[in-house]
Amino acid sequence: MGQLVRKVSVAKRQDPLIDFTTLAKIGRHASRSAREKALSQGVGFTYAKGGRIMKRNPDGTEQLIRVMDDMNDFPTLQADLCQD
């Protein structure tokens, strides 16, 4: 019996490493997965939110590490990736 051949769309797709919207989605998914995995294994993690560096402990408590002095000094994803 013959094998089935899967049809693939011939539409040109953007490279996800060039398309910043797709790259941001990939990054958010990877970040979310890493946080969930860390907590499930009893490990805390550090993150930046609202101009603050925070640490989330495995028990769910959060600790302020420091307030960021200059929010404008934090590079955007596009600026960070497009360095020449």
N, C-alpha and C. Protein backbone atom coordinates (compact mmCIF):
# COMPACT_ATOMS: atom_id res chain seq x y z
N MET A 1 0.83 -1.17 0.00
CA MET A 1 0.00 0.00 0.00
C MET A 1 0.88 1.24 0.00
N GLY A 2 0.54 2.25 -0.79
CA GLY A 2 1.35 3.45 -0.92
C GLY A 2 1.24 4.36 0.30
N GLN A 3 2.26 5.18 0.47
CA GLN A 3 2.27 6.12 1.59
C GLN A 3 1.51 7.39 1.20
N LEU A 4 0.88 7.99 2.18
CA LEU A 4 0.19 9.25 1.94
C LEU A 4 1.21 10.37 1.87
N VAL A 5 1.00 11.30 0.95
CA VAL A 5 1.88 12.45 0.80
C VAL A 5 1.19 13.66 1.41
N ARG A 6 1.86 14.30 2.34
CA ARG A 6 1.30 15.45 3.03
C ARG A 6 1.48 16.70 2.17
N LYS A 7 0.41 17.45 1.98
CA LYS A 7 0.49 18.68 1.19
C LYS A 7 1.00 19.80 2.07
N VAL A 8 1.89 20.60 1.52
CA VAL A 8 2.46 21.73 2.24
C VAL A 8 2.16 23.00 1.46
N SER A 9 1.79 24.04 2.18
CA SER A 9 1.49 25.31 1.54
C SER A 9 2.75 25.87 0.89
N VAL A 10 2.60 26.46 -0.29
CA VAL A 10 3.74 27.04 -0.98
C VAL A 10 3.86 28.53 -0.73
N ALA A 11 3.00 29.07 0.16
CA ALA A 11 3.06 30.50 0.48
C ALA A 11 4.38 30.82 1.16
N LYS A 12 4.96 31.94 0.78
CA LYS A 12 6.22 32.35 1.37
C LYS A 12 5.99 32.73 2.83
N ARG A 13 6.79 32.16 3.71
CA ARG A 13 6.68 32.46 5.14
C ARG A 13 7.82 33.36 5.55
N GLN A 14 7.53 34.25 6.53
CA GLN A 14 8.58 35.10 7.04
C GLN A 14 9.48 34.30 7.97
N ASP A 15 10.75 34.63 7.94
CA ASP A 15 11.70 34.03 8.86
C ASP A 15 11.38 34.55 10.26
N PRO A 16 11.11 33.67 11.24
CA PRO A 16 10.73 34.15 12.57
C PRO A 16 11.82 34.96 13.26
N LEU A 17 13.05 34.82 12.82
CA LEU A 17 14.12 35.60 13.43
C LEU A 17 14.19 37.01 12.85
N ILE A 18 13.45 37.27 11.77
CA ILE A 18 13.40 38.60 11.18
C ILE A 18 12.08 39.27 11.56
N ASP A 19 11.02 38.49 11.68
CA ASP A 19 9.71 39.00 12.03
C ASP A 19 9.64 39.18 13.55
N PHE A 20 9.71 40.42 14.02
CA PHE A 20 9.81 40.69 15.46
C PHE A 20 8.55 40.32 16.23
N THR A 21 7.39 40.36 15.59
CA THR A 21 6.17 39.96 16.27
C THR A 21 6.22 38.47 16.60
N THR A 22 6.62 37.67 15.63
CA THR A 22 6.74 36.23 15.85
C THR A 22 7.84 35.93 16.86
N LEU A 23 8.95 36.62 16.74
CA LEU A 23 10.06 36.40 17.67
C LEU A 23 9.65 36.75 19.09
N ALA A 24 8.89 37.82 19.27
CA ALA A 24 8.41 38.19 20.60
C ALA A 24 7.48 37.12 21.17
N LYS A 25 6.62 36.54 20.32
CA LYS A 25 5.73 35.47 20.77
C LYS A 25 6.55 34.25 21.21
N ILE A 26 7.56 33.91 20.43
CA ILE A 26 8.43 32.78 20.78
C ILE A 26 9.12 33.04 22.11
N GLY A 27 9.60 34.26 22.29
CA GLY A 27 10.27 34.63 23.54
C GLY A 27 9.34 34.57 24.74
N ARG A 28 8.10 35.07 24.59
CA ARG A 28 7.13 35.02 25.69
C ARG A 28 6.82 33.58 26.06
N HIS A 29 6.64 32.73 25.04
CA HIS A 29 6.34 31.32 25.30
C HIS A 29 7.51 30.64 26.02
N ALA A 30 8.72 30.90 25.56
CA ALA A 30 9.91 30.29 26.19
C ALA A 30 10.07 30.78 27.62
N SER A 31 9.82 32.05 27.84
CA SER A 31 9.93 32.63 29.19
C SER A 31 8.89 32.02 30.12
N ARG A 32 7.67 31.92 29.65
CA ARG A 32 6.59 31.33 30.46
C ARG A 32 6.91 29.88 30.80
N SER A 33 7.38 29.13 29.82
CA SER A 33 7.72 27.73 30.05
C SER A 33 8.85 27.59 31.06
N ALA A 34 9.86 28.45 30.95
CA ALA A 34 11.00 28.40 31.86
C ALA A 34 10.56 28.73 33.29
N ARG A 35 9.68 29.72 33.45
CA ARG A 35 9.18 30.07 34.79
C ARG A 35 8.40 28.91 35.39
N GLU A 36 7.51 28.31 34.60
CA GLU A 36 6.72 27.18 35.09
C GLU A 36 7.61 26.01 35.48
N LYS A 37 8.60 25.73 34.66
CA LYS A 37 9.52 24.62 34.94
C LYS A 37 10.33 24.89 36.21
N ALA A 38 10.80 26.13 36.37
CA ALA A 38 11.58 26.48 37.55
C ALA A 38 10.74 26.29 38.81
N LEU A 39 9.52 26.79 38.80
CA LEU A 39 8.67 26.67 39.98
C LEU A 39 8.31 25.22 40.28
N SER A 40 8.08 24.43 39.23
CA SER A 40 7.73 23.02 39.44
C SER A 40 8.89 22.22 40.03
N GLN A 41 10.12 22.72 39.81
CA GLN A 41 11.30 22.03 40.34
C GLN A 41 11.82 22.69 41.62
N GLY A 42 11.04 23.63 42.15
CA GLY A 42 11.41 24.25 43.42
C GLY A 42 12.54 25.27 43.32
N VAL A 43 12.62 25.95 42.17
CA VAL A 43 13.67 26.94 41.95
C VAL A 43 13.01 28.29 41.69
N GLY A 44 13.55 29.34 42.27
CA GLY A 44 13.04 30.69 42.04
C GLY A 44 13.62 31.27 40.77
N PHE A 45 13.10 32.43 40.39
CA PHE A 45 13.62 33.12 39.21
C PHE A 45 13.52 34.62 39.42
N THR A 46 14.29 35.36 38.64
CA THR A 46 14.32 36.81 38.72
C THR A 46 13.77 37.38 37.42
N TYR A 47 13.03 38.48 37.52
CA TYR A 47 12.44 39.09 36.33
C TYR A 47 12.32 40.60 36.53
N ALA A 48 12.12 41.31 35.44
CA ALA A 48 11.93 42.76 35.47
C ALA A 48 10.48 43.05 35.11
N LYS A 49 9.85 43.95 35.91
CA LYS A 49 8.47 44.31 35.63
C LYS A 49 8.19 45.68 36.23
N GLY A 50 7.65 46.57 35.41
CA GLY A 50 7.25 47.88 35.90
C GLY A 50 8.39 48.69 36.50
N GLY A 51 9.57 48.56 35.95
CA GLY A 51 10.71 49.33 36.44
C GLY A 51 11.37 48.76 37.68
N ARG A 52 11.03 47.53 38.02
CA ARG A 52 11.63 46.88 39.19
C ARG A 52 12.21 45.52 38.83
N ILE A 53 13.29 45.17 39.48
CA ILE A 53 13.86 43.83 39.38
C ILE A 53 13.30 43.05 40.56
N MET A 54 12.59 41.96 40.26
CA MET A 54 11.91 41.17 41.29
C MET A 54 12.43 39.74 41.30
N LYS A 55 12.35 39.10 42.45
CA LYS A 55 12.69 37.68 42.56
C LYS A 55 11.44 36.96 43.04
N ARG A 56 11.06 35.91 42.33
CA ARG A 56 9.93 35.08 42.73
C ARG A 56 10.47 33.79 43.30
N ASN A 57 10.14 33.54 44.54
CA ASN A 57 10.61 32.36 45.24
C ASN A 57 9.71 31.17 44.94
N PRO A 58 10.21 29.95 45.14
CA PRO A 58 9.41 28.75 44.84
C PRO A 58 8.09 28.68 45.63
N ASP A 59 8.04 29.32 46.81
CA ASP A 59 6.81 29.29 47.60
C ASP A 59 5.79 30.34 47.14
N GLY A 60 6.13 31.11 46.10
CA GLY A 60 5.21 32.09 45.52
C GLY A 60 5.42 33.51 46.03
N THR A 61 6.23 33.69 47.06
CA THR A 61 6.49 35.04 47.55
C THR A 61 7.41 35.78 46.59
N GLU A 62 7.25 37.10 46.56
CA GLU A 62 8.08 37.92 45.69
C GLU A 62 8.90 38.88 46.53
N GLN A 63 10.11 39.14 46.06
CA GLN A 63 11.04 40.01 46.78
C GLN A 63 11.56 41.06 45.81
N LEU A 64 11.52 42.34 46.23
CA LEU A 64 12.07 43.41 45.42
C LEU A 64 13.59 43.38 45.53
N ILE A 65 14.26 43.25 44.40
CA ILE A 65 15.72 43.27 44.39
C ILE A 65 16.19 44.72 44.31
N ARG A 66 15.69 45.45 43.32
CA ARG A 66 16.01 46.88 43.22
C ARG A 66 15.09 47.54 42.22
N VAL A 67 15.00 48.85 42.32
CA VAL A 67 14.25 49.66 41.36
C VAL A 67 15.23 50.09 40.28
N MET A 68 14.82 49.94 39.03
CA MET A 68 15.68 50.34 37.92
C MET A 68 15.73 51.85 37.85
N ASP A 69 16.92 52.42 37.75
CA ASP A 69 17.09 53.87 37.74
C ASP A 69 16.50 54.52 36.51
N ASP A 70 16.77 53.94 35.34
CA ASP A 70 16.36 54.57 34.10
C ASP A 70 15.70 53.53 33.20
N MET A 71 14.39 53.59 33.09
CA MET A 71 13.67 52.63 32.25
C MET A 71 14.05 52.78 30.78
N ASN A 72 14.46 53.97 30.36
CA ASN A 72 14.84 54.18 28.97
C ASN A 72 16.16 53.51 28.63
N ASP A 73 16.90 53.12 29.65
CA ASP A 73 18.18 52.45 29.45
C ASP A 73 18.00 50.97 29.15
N PHE A 74 16.79 50.45 29.32
CA PHE A 74 16.49 49.04 29.08
C PHE A 74 16.21 48.87 27.59
N PRO A 75 17.02 48.09 26.84
CA PRO A 75 16.85 48.02 25.38
C PRO A 75 15.59 47.25 24.98
N THR A 76 14.98 47.65 23.88
CA THR A 76 13.87 46.89 23.32
C THR A 76 14.44 45.63 22.67
N LEU A 77 13.56 44.68 22.40
CA LEU A 77 13.99 43.45 21.74
C LEU A 77 14.61 43.76 20.38
N GLN A 78 13.97 44.63 19.62
CA GLN A 78 14.48 44.98 18.30
C GLN A 78 15.85 45.65 18.38
N ALA A 79 16.02 46.59 19.31
CA ALA A 79 17.31 47.28 19.45
C ALA A 79 18.39 46.31 19.92
N ASP A 80 18.02 45.37 20.77
CA ASP A 80 19.00 44.41 21.29
C ASP A 80 19.46 43.45 20.21
N LEU A 81 18.55 43.04 19.31
CA LEU A 81 18.89 42.06 18.27
C LEU A 81 19.52 42.67 17.04
N CYS A 82 19.27 43.95 16.78
CA CYS A 82 19.73 44.57 15.54
C CYS A 82 20.98 45.41 15.76
N GLN A 83 21.91 44.89 16.49
CA GLN A 83 23.15 45.61 16.71
C GLN A 83 24.12 45.33 15.56
N ASP A 84 24.71 46.37 15.06
CA ASP A 84 25.70 46.20 13.97
C ASP A 84 27.09 46.45 14.47
